[in-house]
Amino acid sequence: MTEREQVAVTPALVELVLAAVQNKGVLVGGQALSVWLDVFGLRSYATCAPISIDADFLGDRDLVEAIHQKIPGSTAKLQLRSAISRLIGVVEIPITPDKFMSIDVIEKSRR
């Protein structure tokens, strides 16, 4: 079996996920930085190399499901509730049989 390769999330996918997320989650990390660089005209998000390969959102289990439902062909993997991790779940989007994009949902701080 060949190993699958994770490829960079595209601007179009980020836009699709943002539409699914609405106000239920917050885009963080490298993809968030890319969006803001584009908003302020500091670089073109669509034409520059990615800052990070995946997209990370602060959210909950419902957000994992909302993203999964919005993206046809995607799979959602939820972290065990007993796991000692801030990772809530991952949505994988197949691009080809051996390539995929990944959306991570990370637990919001409980402060």
PDB file of N, CA and C in Angstrom:
ATOM      1  N   MET A   1       0.847  -1.184   0.000  1.00  0.00           N
ATOM      2  CA  MET A   1       0.000   0.000   0.000  1.00  0.00           C
ATOM      3  C   MET A   1       0.891   1.246   0.000  1.00  0.00           C
ATOM      4  N   THR A   2       0.577   2.176  -0.881  1.00  0.00           N
ATOM      5  CA  THR A   2       1.365   3.407  -0.946  1.00  0.00           C
ATOM      6  C   THR A   2       0.897   4.387   0.115  1.00  0.00           C
ATOM      7  N   GLU A   3       1.848   5.174   0.584  1.00  0.00           N
ATOM      8  CA  GLU A   3       1.529   6.173   1.603  1.00  0.00           C
ATOM      9  C   GLU A   3       0.848   7.373   0.953  1.00  0.00           C
ATOM     10  N   ARG A   4      -0.166   7.879   1.611  1.00  0.00           N
ATOM     11  CA  ARG A   4      -0.878   9.053   1.103  1.00  0.00           C
ATOM     12  C   ARG A   4      -0.093  10.308   1.449  1.00  0.00           C
ATOM     13  N   GLU A   5      -0.169  11.292   0.556  1.00  0.00           N
ATOM     14  CA  GLU A   5       0.541  12.551   0.748  1.00  0.00           C
ATOM     15  C   GLU A   5      -0.449  13.659   1.092  1.00  0.00           C
ATOM     16  N   GLN A   6      -0.162  14.379   2.162  1.00  0.00           N
ATOM     17  CA  GLN A   6      -0.978  15.543   2.508  1.00  0.00           C
ATOM     18  C   GLN A   6      -0.487  16.723   1.691  1.00  0.00           C
ATOM     19  N   VAL A   7      -1.421  17.409   1.028  1.00  0.00           N
ATOM     20  CA  VAL A   7      -1.070  18.574   0.215  1.00  0.00           C
ATOM     21  C   VAL A   7      -1.688  19.822   0.833  1.00  0.00           C
ATOM     22  N   ALA A   8      -1.177  20.963   0.429  1.00  0.00           N
ATOM     23  CA  ALA A   8      -1.616  22.236   1.008  1.00  0.00           C
ATOM     24  C   ALA A   8      -3.083  22.524   0.704  1.00  0.00           C
ATOM     25  N   VAL A   9      -3.756  23.039   1.701  1.00  0.00           N
ATOM     26  CA  VAL A   9      -5.144  23.477   1.557  1.00  0.00           C
ATOM     27  C   VAL A   9      -5.173  24.655   0.589  1.00  0.00           C
ATOM     28  N   THR A  10      -6.116  24.637  -0.336  1.00  0.00           N
ATOM     29  CA  THR A  10      -6.224  25.707  -1.332  1.00  0.00           C
ATOM     30  C   THR A  10      -7.057  26.870  -0.798  1.00  0.00           C
ATOM     31  N   PRO A  11      -6.871  28.066  -1.357  1.00  0.00           N
ATOM     32  CA  PRO A  11      -7.721  29.196  -0.966  1.00  0.00           C
ATOM     33  C   PRO A  11      -9.209  28.900  -1.175  1.00  0.00           C
ATOM     34  N   ALA A  12      -9.540  28.187  -2.250  1.00  0.00           N
ATOM     35  CA  ALA A  12     -10.947  27.855  -2.511  1.00  0.00           C
ATOM     36  C   ALA A  12     -11.514  26.971  -1.404  1.00  0.00           C
ATOM     37  N   LEU A  13     -10.720  26.017  -0.920  1.00  0.00           N
ATOM     38  CA  LEU A  13     -11.190  25.157   0.166  1.00  0.00           C
ATOM     39  C   LEU A  13     -11.345  25.952   1.454  1.00  0.00           C
ATOM     40  N   VAL A  14     -10.411  26.846   1.737  1.00  0.00           N
ATOM     41  CA  VAL A  14     -10.534  27.682   2.939  1.00  0.00           C
ATOM     42  C   VAL A  14     -11.829  28.480   2.882  1.00  0.00           C
ATOM     43  N   GLU A  15     -12.158  29.051   1.723  1.00  0.00           N
ATOM     44  CA  GLU A  15     -13.404  29.816   1.573  1.00  0.00           C
ATOM     45  C   GLU A  15     -14.624  28.925   1.805  1.00  0.00           C
ATOM     46  N   LEU A  16     -14.603  27.704   1.265  1.00  0.00           N
ATOM     47  CA  LEU A  16     -15.712  26.767   1.456  1.00  0.00           C
ATOM     48  C   LEU A  16     -15.876  26.407   2.929  1.00  0.00           C
ATOM     49  N   VAL A  17     -14.765  26.155   3.598  1.00  0.00           N
ATOM     50  CA  VAL A  17     -14.818  25.800   5.022  1.00  0.00           C
ATOM     51  C   VAL A  17     -15.281  26.992   5.857  1.00  0.00           C
ATOM     52  N   LEU A  18     -14.805  28.187   5.534  1.00  0.00           N
ATOM     53  CA  LEU A  18     -15.256  29.379   6.267  1.00  0.00           C
ATOM     54  C   LEU A  18     -16.764  29.557   6.136  1.00  0.00           C
ATOM     55  N   ALA A  19     -17.319  29.259   4.966  1.00  0.00           N
ATOM     56  CA  ALA A  19     -18.772  29.339   4.782  1.00  0.00           C
ATOM     57  C   ALA A  19     -19.489  28.316   5.659  1.00  0.00           C
ATOM     58  N   ALA A  20     -18.899  27.134   5.816  1.00  0.00           N
ATOM     59  CA  ALA A  20     -19.503  26.100   6.666  1.00  0.00           C
ATOM     60  C   ALA A  20     -19.391  26.460   8.135  1.00  0.00           C
ATOM     61  N   VAL A  21     -18.276  27.062   8.507  1.00  0.00           N
ATOM     62  CA  VAL A  21     -17.998  27.381   9.908  1.00  0.00           C
ATOM     63  C   VAL A  21     -18.862  28.533  10.406  1.00  0.00           C
ATOM     64  N   GLN A  22     -19.031  29.552   9.578  1.00  0.00           N
ATOM     65  CA  GLN A  22     -19.743  30.781   9.941  1.00  0.00           C
ATOM     66  C   GLN A  22     -19.192  31.314  11.255  1.00  0.00           C
ATOM     67  N   ASN A  23     -19.994  31.376  12.294  1.00  0.00           N
ATOM     68  CA  ASN A  23     -19.508  31.911  13.582  1.00  0.00           C
ATOM     69  C   ASN A  23     -19.304  30.806  14.618  1.00  0.00           C
ATOM     70  N   LYS A  24     -19.188  29.547  14.171  1.00  0.00           N
ATOM     71  CA  LYS A  24     -19.047  28.424  15.098  1.00  0.00           C
ATOM     72  C   LYS A  24     -17.596  28.092  15.429  1.00  0.00           C
ATOM     73  N   GLY A  25     -16.650  28.688  14.712  1.00  0.00           N
ATOM     74  CA  GLY A  25     -15.247  28.391  14.937  1.00  0.00           C
ATOM     75  C   GLY A  25     -14.381  29.547  14.495  1.00  0.00           C
ATOM     76  N   VAL A  26     -13.089  29.439  14.786  1.00  0.00           N
ATOM     77  CA  VAL A  26     -12.143  30.504  14.461  1.00  0.00           C
ATOM     78  C   VAL A  26     -10.961  29.901  13.711  1.00  0.00           C
ATOM     79  N   LEU A  27     -10.668  30.432  12.524  1.00  0.00           N
ATOM     80  CA  LEU A  27      -9.496  30.013  11.769  1.00  0.00           C
ATOM     81  C   LEU A  27      -8.251  30.557  12.465  1.00  0.00           C
ATOM     82  N   VAL A  28      -7.279  29.683  12.741  1.00  0.00           N
ATOM     83  CA  VAL A  28      -6.050  30.091  13.427  1.00  0.00           C
ATOM     84  C   VAL A  28      -4.841  29.556  12.658  1.00  0.00           C
ATOM     85  N   GLY A  29      -3.669  29.975  13.060  1.00  0.00           N
ATOM     86  CA  GLY A  29      -2.448  29.432  12.480  1.00  0.00           C
ATOM     87  C   GLY A  29      -2.086  30.043  11.142  1.00  0.00           C
ATOM     88  N   GLY A  30      -1.328  29.281  10.367  1.00  0.00           N
ATOM     89  CA  GLY A  30      -0.789  29.762   9.108  1.00  0.00           C
ATOM     90  C   GLY A  30      -1.827  30.175   8.089  1.00  0.00           C
ATOM     91  N   GLN A  31      -2.922  29.428   7.987  1.00  0.00           N
ATOM     92  CA  GLN A  31      -3.961  29.796   7.021  1.00  0.00           C
ATOM     93  C   GLN A  31      -4.624  31.109   7.407  1.00  0.00           C
ATOM     94  N   ALA A  32      -4.804  31.354   8.696  1.00  0.00           N
ATOM     95  CA  ALA A  32      -5.373  32.636   9.142  1.00  0.00           C
ATOM     96  C   ALA A  32      -4.436  33.775   8.760  1.00  0.00           C
ATOM     97  N   LEU A  33      -3.148  33.564   8.961  1.00  0.00           N
ATOM     98  CA  LEU A  33      -2.167  34.578   8.579  1.00  0.00           C
ATOM     99  C   LEU A  33      -2.227  34.845   7.076  1.00  0.00           C
ATOM    100  N   SER A  34      -2.352  33.793   6.278  1.00  0.00           N
ATOM    101  CA  SER A  34      -2.452  33.954   4.824  1.00  0.00           C
ATOM    102  C   SER A  34      -3.661  34.786   4.431  1.00  0.00           C
ATOM    103  N   VAL A  35      -4.797  34.524   5.059  1.00  0.00           N
ATOM    104  CA  VAL A  35      -6.017  35.284   4.755  1.00  0.00           C
ATOM    105  C   VAL A  35      -5.804  36.759   5.064  1.00  0.00           C
ATOM    106  N   TRP A  36      -5.236  37.065   6.236  1.00  0.00           N
ATOM    107  CA  TRP A  36      -5.048  38.470   6.612  1.00  0.00           C
ATOM    108  C   TRP A  36      -4.006  39.165   5.742  1.00  0.00           C
ATOM    109  N   LEU A  37      -2.962  38.466   5.333  1.00  0.00           N
ATOM    110  CA  LEU A  37      -1.992  39.058   4.410  1.00  0.00           C
ATOM    111  C   LEU A  37      -2.674  39.445   3.104  1.00  0.00           C
ATOM    112  N   ASP A  38      -3.586  38.596   2.644  1.00  0.00           N
ATOM    113  CA  ASP A  38      -4.333  38.884   1.420  1.00  0.00           C
ATOM    114  C   ASP A  38      -5.292  40.056   1.623  1.00  0.00           C
ATOM    115  N   VAL A  39      -6.007  40.062   2.750  1.00  0.00           N
ATOM    116  CA  VAL A  39      -6.960  41.142   3.045  1.00  0.00           C
ATOM    117  C   VAL A  39      -6.267  42.501   3.019  1.00  0.00           C
ATOM    118  N   PHE A  40      -5.066  42.580   3.580  1.00  0.00           N
ATOM    119  CA  PHE A  40      -4.342  43.849   3.644  1.00  0.00           C
ATOM    120  C   PHE A  40      -3.446  44.093   2.428  1.00  0.00           C
ATOM    121  N   GLY A  41      -3.554  43.221   1.412  1.00  0.00           N
ATOM    122  CA  GLY A  41      -2.815  43.423   0.177  1.00  0.00           C
ATOM    123  C   GLY A  41      -1.317  43.235   0.294  1.00  0.00           C
ATOM    124  N   LEU A  42      -0.880  42.509   1.306  1.00  0.00           N
ATOM    125  CA  LEU A  42       0.548  42.301   1.509  1.00  0.00           C
ATOM    126  C   LEU A  42       1.099  41.165   0.653  1.00  0.00           C
ATOM    127  N   ARG A  43       0.227  40.295   0.211  1.00  0.00           N
ATOM    128  CA  ARG A  43       0.577  39.235  -0.735  1.00  0.00           C
ATOM    129  C   ARG A  43      -0.721  38.629  -1.242  1.00  0.00           C
ATOM    130  N   SER A  44      -0.650  37.943  -2.345  1.00  0.00           N
ATOM    131  CA  SER A  44      -1.837  37.293  -2.898  1.00  0.00           C
ATOM    132  C   SER A  44      -1.932  35.874  -2.362  1.00  0.00           C
ATOM    133  N   TYR A  45      -2.970  35.613  -1.598  1.00  0.00           N
ATOM    134  CA  TYR A  45      -3.180  34.294  -0.996  1.00  0.00           C
ATOM    135  C   TYR A  45      -3.262  33.218  -2.070  1.00  0.00           C
ATOM    136  N   ALA A  46      -3.872  33.550  -3.200  1.00  0.00           N
ATOM    137  CA  ALA A  46      -4.100  32.566  -4.256  1.00  0.00           C
ATOM    138  C   ALA A  46      -2.824  32.198  -5.017  1.00  0.00           C
ATOM    139  N   THR A  47      -1.822  33.072  -5.029  1.00  0.00           N
ATOM    140  CA  THR A  47      -0.656  32.821  -5.874  1.00  0.00           C
ATOM    141  C   THR A  47       0.639  32.553  -5.116  1.00  0.00           C
ATOM    142  N   CYS A  48       0.675  32.727  -3.818  1.00  0.00           N
ATOM    143  CA  CYS A  48       1.908  32.512  -3.045  1.00  0.00           C
ATOM    144  C   CYS A  48       1.954  31.105  -2.462  1.00  0.00           C
ATOM    145  N   ALA A  49       3.153  30.692  -2.123  1.00  0.00           N
ATOM    146  CA  ALA A  49       3.325  29.395  -1.461  1.00  0.00           C
ATOM    147  C   ALA A  49       2.601  29.409  -0.120  1.00  0.00           C
ATOM    148  N   PRO A  50       2.050  28.270   0.291  1.00  0.00           N
ATOM    149  CA  PRO A  50       1.322  28.231   1.565  1.00  0.00           C
ATOM    150  C   PRO A  50       2.239  28.439   2.763  1.00  0.00           C
ATOM    151  N   ILE A  51       1.697  29.088   3.784  1.00  0.00           N
ATOM    152  CA  ILE A  51       2.423  29.265   5.041  1.00  0.00           C
ATOM    153  C   ILE A  51       2.377  27.966   5.833  1.00  0.00           C
ATOM    154  N   SER A  52       1.247  27.282   5.771  1.00  0.00           N
ATOM    155  CA  SER A  52       1.122  25.964   6.396  1.00  0.00           C
ATOM    156  C   SER A  52       0.322  25.067   5.466  1.00  0.00           C
ATOM    157  N   ILE A  53       0.449  23.771   5.670  1.00  0.00           N
ATOM    158  CA  ILE A  53      -0.152  22.823   4.737  1.00  0.00           C
ATOM    159  C   ILE A  53      -1.613  22.507   5.064  1.00  0.00           C
ATOM    160  N   ASP A  54      -1.990  22.575   6.339  1.00  0.00           N
ATOM    161  CA  ASP A  54      -3.370  22.282   6.723  1.00  0.00           C
ATOM    162  C   ASP A  54      -4.055  23.567   7.168  1.00  0.00           C
ATOM    163  N   ALA A  55      -5.306  23.444   7.552  1.00  0.00           N
ATOM    164  CA  ALA A  55      -6.028  24.575   8.147  1.00  0.00           C
ATOM    165  C   ALA A  55      -6.457  24.151   9.543  1.00  0.00           C
ATOM    166  N   ASP A  56      -6.303  25.048  10.498  1.00  0.00           N
ATOM    167  CA  ASP A  56      -6.649  24.769  11.894  1.00  0.00           C
ATOM    168  C   ASP A  56      -7.759  25.702  12.342  1.00  0.00           C
ATOM    169  N   PHE A  57      -8.758  25.137  12.990  1.00  0.00           N
ATOM    170  CA  PHE A  57      -9.865  25.914  13.537  1.00  0.00           C
ATOM    171  C   PHE A  57      -9.999  25.622  15.018  1.00  0.00           C
ATOM    172  N   LEU A  58     -10.317  26.643  15.801  1.00  0.00           N
ATOM    173  CA  LEU A  58     -10.750  26.435  17.176  1.00  0.00           C
ATOM    174  C   LEU A  58     -12.231  26.133  17.102  1.00  0.00           C
ATOM    175  N   GLY A  59     -12.660  25.061  17.758  1.00  0.00           N
ATOM    176  CA  GLY A  59     -14.070  24.697  17.700  1.00  0.00           C
ATOM    177  C   GLY A  59     -14.383  23.502  18.574  1.00  0.00           C
ATOM    178  N   ASP A  60     -15.445  22.789  18.195  1.00  0.00           N
ATOM    179  CA  ASP A  60     -15.892  21.633  18.967  1.00  0.00           C
ATOM    180  C   ASP A  60     -16.275  20.494  18.024  1.00  0.00           C
ATOM    181  N   ARG A  61     -16.814  19.415  18.590  1.00  0.00           N
ATOM    182  CA  ARG A  61     -17.184  18.249  17.791  1.00  0.00           C
ATOM    183  C   ARG A  61     -18.244  18.592  16.747  1.00  0.00           C
ATOM    184  N   ASP A  62     -19.165  19.486  17.083  1.00  0.00           N
ATOM    185  CA  ASP A  62     -20.186  19.898  16.115  1.00  0.00           C
ATOM    186  C   ASP A  62     -19.555  20.585  14.907  1.00  0.00           C
ATOM    187  N   LEU A  63     -18.466  21.309  15.129  1.00  0.00           N
ATOM    188  CA  LEU A  63     -17.779  21.983  14.026  1.00  0.00           C
ATOM    189  C   LEU A  63     -17.143  20.963  13.080  1.00  0.00           C
ATOM    190  N   VAL A  64     -16.558  19.909  13.630  1.00  0.00           N
ATOM    191  CA  VAL A  64     -16.000  18.842  12.791  1.00  0.00           C
ATOM    192  C   VAL A  64     -17.093  18.309  11.874  1.00  0.00           C
ATOM    193  N   GLU A  65     -18.255  18.041  12.424  1.00  0.00           N
ATOM    194  CA  GLU A  65     -19.372  17.501  11.643  1.00  0.00           C
ATOM    195  C   GLU A  65     -19.877  18.514  10.621  1.00  0.00           C
ATOM    196  N   ALA A  66     -19.955  19.791  10.983  1.00  0.00           N
ATOM    197  CA  ALA A  66     -20.429  20.826  10.053  1.00  0.00           C
ATOM    198  C   ALA A  66     -19.500  20.941   8.844  1.00  0.00           C
ATOM    199  N   ILE A  67     -18.198  20.907   9.086  1.00  0.00           N
ATOM    200  CA  ILE A  67     -17.235  20.978   7.982  1.00  0.00           C
ATOM    201  C   ILE A  67     -17.358  19.736   7.110  1.00  0.00           C
ATOM    202  N   HIS A  68     -17.430  18.579   7.744  1.00  0.00           N
ATOM    203  CA  HIS A  68     -17.558  17.310   7.012  1.00  0.00           C
ATOM    204  C   HIS A  68     -18.809  17.308   6.132  1.00  0.00           C
ATOM    205  N   GLN A  69     -19.927  17.778   6.645  1.00  0.00           N
ATOM    206  CA  GLN A  69     -21.179  17.798   5.880  1.00  0.00           C
ATOM    207  C   GLN A  69     -21.111  18.750   4.689  1.00  0.00           C
ATOM    208  N   LYS A  70     -20.338  19.810   4.803  1.00  0.00           N
ATOM    209  CA  LYS A  70     -20.256  20.830   3.749  1.00  0.00           C
ATOM    210  C   LYS A  70     -19.353  20.399   2.586  1.00  0.00           C
ATOM    211  N   ILE A  71     -18.426  19.483   2.833  1.00  0.00           N
ATOM    212  CA  ILE A  71     -17.443  19.106   1.814  1.00  0.00           C
ATOM    213  C   ILE A  71     -17.710  17.677   1.335  1.00  0.00           C
ATOM    214  N   PRO A  72     -18.261  17.535   0.135  1.00  0.00           N
ATOM    215  CA  PRO A  72     -18.573  16.203  -0.391  1.00  0.00           C
ATOM    216  C   PRO A  72     -17.328  15.317  -0.485  1.00  0.00           C
ATOM    217  N   GLY A  73     -17.479  14.066  -0.105  1.00  0.00           N
ATOM    218  CA  GLY A  73     -16.390  13.103  -0.196  1.00  0.00           C
ATOM    219  C   GLY A  73     -15.415  13.125   0.964  1.00  0.00           C
ATOM    220  N   SER A  74     -15.598  14.068   1.889  1.00  0.00           N
ATOM    221  CA  SER A  74     -14.675  14.172   3.024  1.00  0.00           C
ATOM    222  C   SER A  74     -14.966  13.096   4.063  1.00  0.00           C
ATOM    223  N   THR A  75     -13.981  12.860   4.922  1.00  0.00           N
ATOM    224  CA  THR A  75     -14.171  11.960   6.058  1.00  0.00           C
ATOM    225  C   THR A  75     -13.843  12.721   7.332  1.00  0.00           C
ATOM    226  N   ALA A  76     -14.582  12.424   8.387  1.00  0.00           N
ATOM    227  CA  ALA A  76     -14.357  13.070   9.685  1.00  0.00           C
ATOM    228  C   ALA A  76     -13.866  12.019  10.670  1.00  0.00           C
ATOM    229  N   LYS A  77     -12.817  12.362  11.395  1.00  0.00           N
ATOM    230  CA  LYS A  77     -12.274  11.481  12.427  1.00  0.00           C
ATOM    231  C   LYS A  77     -12.279  12.255  13.733  1.00  0.00           C
ATOM    232  N   LEU A  78     -13.057  11.775  14.690  1.00  0.00           N
ATOM    233  CA  LEU A  78     -13.132  12.438  15.992  1.00  0.00           C
ATOM    234  C   LEU A  78     -12.138  11.807  16.961  1.00  0.00           C
ATOM    235  N   GLN A  79     -11.495  12.649  17.743  1.00  0.00           N
ATOM    236  CA  GLN A  79     -10.584  12.195  18.791  1.00  0.00           C
ATOM    237  C   GLN A  79     -11.410  11.566  19.918  1.00  0.00           C
ATOM    238  N   LEU A  80     -10.883  10.551  20.566  1.00  0.00           N
ATOM    239  CA  LEU A  80     -11.568   9.987  21.725  1.00  0.00           C
ATOM    240  C   LEU A  80     -11.724  11.066  22.793  1.00  0.00           C
ATOM    241  N   ARG A  81     -12.876  11.098  23.440  1.00  0.00           N
ATOM    242  CA  ARG A  81     -13.099  12.102  24.491  1.00  0.00           C
ATOM    243  C   ARG A  81     -12.123  11.925  25.651  1.00  0.00           C
ATOM    244  N   SER A  82     -11.637  10.704  25.847  1.00  0.00           N
ATOM    245  CA  SER A  82     -10.710  10.430  26.947  1.00  0.00           C
ATOM    246  C   SER A  82      -9.254  10.766  26.600  1.00  0.00           C
ATOM    247  N   ALA A  83      -8.990  11.128  25.354  1.00  0.00           N
ATOM    248  CA  ALA A  83      -7.614  11.421  24.933  1.00  0.00           C
ATOM    249  C   ALA A  83      -7.096  12.688  25.619  1.00  0.00           C
ATOM    250  N   ILE A  84      -5.827  12.682  25.921  1.00  0.00           N
ATOM    251  CA  ILE A  84      -5.197  13.857  26.521  1.00  0.00           C
ATOM    252  C   ILE A  84      -4.623  14.683  25.367  1.00  0.00           C
ATOM    253  N   SER A  85      -5.502  15.419  24.728  1.00  0.00           N
ATOM    254  CA  SER A  85      -5.128  16.185  23.540  1.00  0.00           C
ATOM    255  C   SER A  85      -6.124  17.312  23.336  1.00  0.00           C
ATOM    256  N   ARG A  86      -5.667  18.410  22.765  1.00  0.00           N
ATOM    257  CA  ARG A  86      -6.558  19.523  22.421  1.00  0.00           C
ATOM    258  C   ARG A  86      -7.214  19.288  21.059  1.00  0.00           C
ATOM    259  N   LEU A  87      -6.737  18.280  20.315  1.00  0.00           N
ATOM    260  CA  LEU A  87      -7.317  17.976  19.011  1.00  0.00           C
ATOM    261  C   LEU A  87      -8.697  17.359  19.197  1.00  0.00           C
ATOM    262  N   ILE A  88      -9.707  17.989  18.594  1.00  0.00           N
ATOM    263  CA  ILE A  88     -11.078  17.477  18.662  1.00  0.00           C
ATOM    264  C   ILE A  88     -11.322  16.478  17.539  1.00  0.00           C
ATOM    265  N   GLY A  89     -10.875  16.831  16.347  1.00  0.00           N
ATOM    266  CA  GLY A  89     -11.079  15.958  15.203  1.00  0.00           C
ATOM    267  C   GLY A  89     -10.407  16.504  13.961  1.00  0.00           C
ATOM    268  N   VAL A  90     -10.425  15.671  12.919  1.00  0.00           N
ATOM    269  CA  VAL A  90      -9.798  16.014  11.647  1.00  0.00           C
ATOM    270  C   VAL A  90     -10.774  15.691  10.528  1.00  0.00           C
ATOM    271  N   VAL A  91     -10.882  16.607   9.577  1.00  0.00           N
ATOM    272  CA  VAL A  91     -11.644  16.344   8.359  1.00  0.00           C
ATOM    273  C   VAL A  91     -10.624  16.206   7.237  1.00  0.00           C
ATOM    274  N   GLU A  92     -10.646  15.063   6.557  1.00  0.00           N
ATOM    275  CA  GLU A  92      -9.752  14.839   5.426  1.00  0.00           C
ATOM    276  C   GLU A  92     -10.545  14.923   4.137  1.00  0.00           C
ATOM    277  N   ILE A  93      -9.966  15.615   3.150  1.00  0.00           N
ATOM    278  CA  ILE A  93     -10.606  15.800   1.857  1.00  0.00           C
ATOM    279  C   ILE A  93      -9.724  15.129   0.812  1.00  0.00           C
ATOM    280  N   PRO A  94     -10.209  14.040   0.191  1.00  0.00           N
ATOM    281  CA  PRO A  94      -9.390  13.375  -0.820  1.00  0.00           C
ATOM    282  C   PRO A  94      -9.306  14.223  -2.091  1.00  0.00           C
ATOM    283  N   ILE A  95      -8.107  14.328  -2.632  1.00  0.00           N
ATOM    284  CA  ILE A  95      -7.881  15.051  -3.878  1.00  0.00           C
ATOM    285  C   ILE A  95      -7.692  14.047  -5.011  1.00  0.00           C
ATOM    286  N   THR A  96      -6.850  13.066  -4.773  1.00  0.00           N
ATOM    287  CA  THR A  96      -6.649  11.920  -5.659  1.00  0.00           C
ATOM    288  C   THR A  96      -6.551  10.712  -4.732  1.00  0.00           C
ATOM    289  N   PRO A  97      -6.464   9.507  -5.280  1.00  0.00           N
ATOM    290  CA  PRO A  97      -6.342   8.349  -4.388  1.00  0.00           C
ATOM    291  C   PRO A  97      -5.137   8.409  -3.443  1.00  0.00           C
ATOM    292  N   ASP A  98      -4.089   9.145  -3.829  1.00  0.00           N
ATOM    293  CA  ASP A  98      -2.904   9.188  -2.974  1.00  0.00           C
ATOM    294  C   ASP A  98      -2.597  10.568  -2.393  1.00  0.00           C
ATOM    295  N   LYS A  99      -3.524  11.538  -2.544  1.00  0.00           N
ATOM    296  CA  LYS A  99      -3.316  12.882  -1.995  1.00  0.00           C
ATOM    297  C   LYS A  99      -4.578  13.365  -1.283  1.00  0.00           C
ATOM    298  N   PHE A 100      -4.378  14.124  -0.197  1.00  0.00           N
ATOM    299  CA  PHE A 100      -5.514  14.645   0.560  1.00  0.00           C
ATOM    300  C   PHE A 100      -5.162  15.982   1.198  1.00  0.00           C
ATOM    301  N   MET A 101      -6.203  16.741   1.556  1.00  0.00           N
ATOM    302  CA  MET A 101      -6.062  17.971   2.337  1.00  0.00           C
ATOM    303  C   MET A 101      -6.659  17.706   3.710  1.00  0.00           C
ATOM    304  N   SER A 102      -6.221  18.478   4.706  1.00  0.00           N
ATOM    305  CA  SER A 102      -6.641  18.221   6.080  1.00  0.00           C
ATOM    306  C   SER A 102      -7.069  19.500   6.792  1.00  0.00           C
ATOM    307  N   ILE A 103      -8.177  19.395   7.519  1.00  0.00           N
ATOM    308  CA  ILE A 103      -8.680  20.464   8.377  1.00  0.00           C
ATOM    309  C   ILE A 103      -8.672  19.922   9.805  1.00  0.00           C
ATOM    310  N   ASP A 104      -7.925  20.566  10.703  1.00  0.00           N
ATOM    311  CA  ASP A 104      -7.883  20.163  12.110  1.00  0.00           C
ATOM    312  C   ASP A 104      -8.789  21.078  12.924  1.00  0.00           C
ATOM    313  N   VAL A 105      -9.535  20.490  13.828  1.00  0.00           N
ATOM    314  CA  VAL A 105     -10.343  21.277  14.767  1.00  0.00           C
ATOM    315  C   VAL A 105      -9.753  21.061  16.151  1.00  0.00           C
ATOM    316  N   ILE A 106      -9.384  22.175  16.776  1.00  0.00           N
ATOM    317  CA  ILE A 106      -8.707  22.166  18.069  1.00  0.00           C
ATOM    318  C   ILE A 106      -9.639  22.758  19.119  1.00  0.00           C
ATOM    319  N   GLU A 107      -9.632  22.166  20.291  1.00  0.00           N
ATOM    320  CA  GLU A 107     -10.493  22.617  21.385  1.00  0.00           C
ATOM    321  C   GLU A 107     -10.172  24.047  21.795  1.00  0.00           C
ATOM    322  N   LYS A 108     -11.233  24.821  21.990  1.00  0.00           N
ATOM    323  CA  LYS A 108     -11.071  26.177  22.516  1.00  0.00           C
ATOM    324  C   LYS A 108     -10.635  26.094  23.972  1.00  0.00           C
ATOM    325  N   SER A 109      -9.913  27.095  24.419  1.00  0.00           N
ATOM    326  CA  SER A 109      -9.516  27.165  25.819  1.00  0.00           C
ATOM    327  C   SER A 109     -10.758  27.265  26.694  1.00  0.00           C
ATOM    328  N   ARG A 110     -10.714  26.662  27.860  1.00  0.00           N
ATOM    329  CA  ARG A 110     -11.888  26.651  28.756  1.00  0.00           C
ATOM    330  C   ARG A 110     -11.834  27.741  29.805  1.00  0.00           C
ATOM    331  N   ARG A 111     -11.128  28.792  29.603  1.00  0.00           N
ATOM    332  CA  ARG A 111     -11.003  29.854  30.609  1.00  0.00           C
ATOM    333  C   ARG A 111     -12.288  30.578  30.820  1.00  0.00           C
TER     334      ARG A 111
END
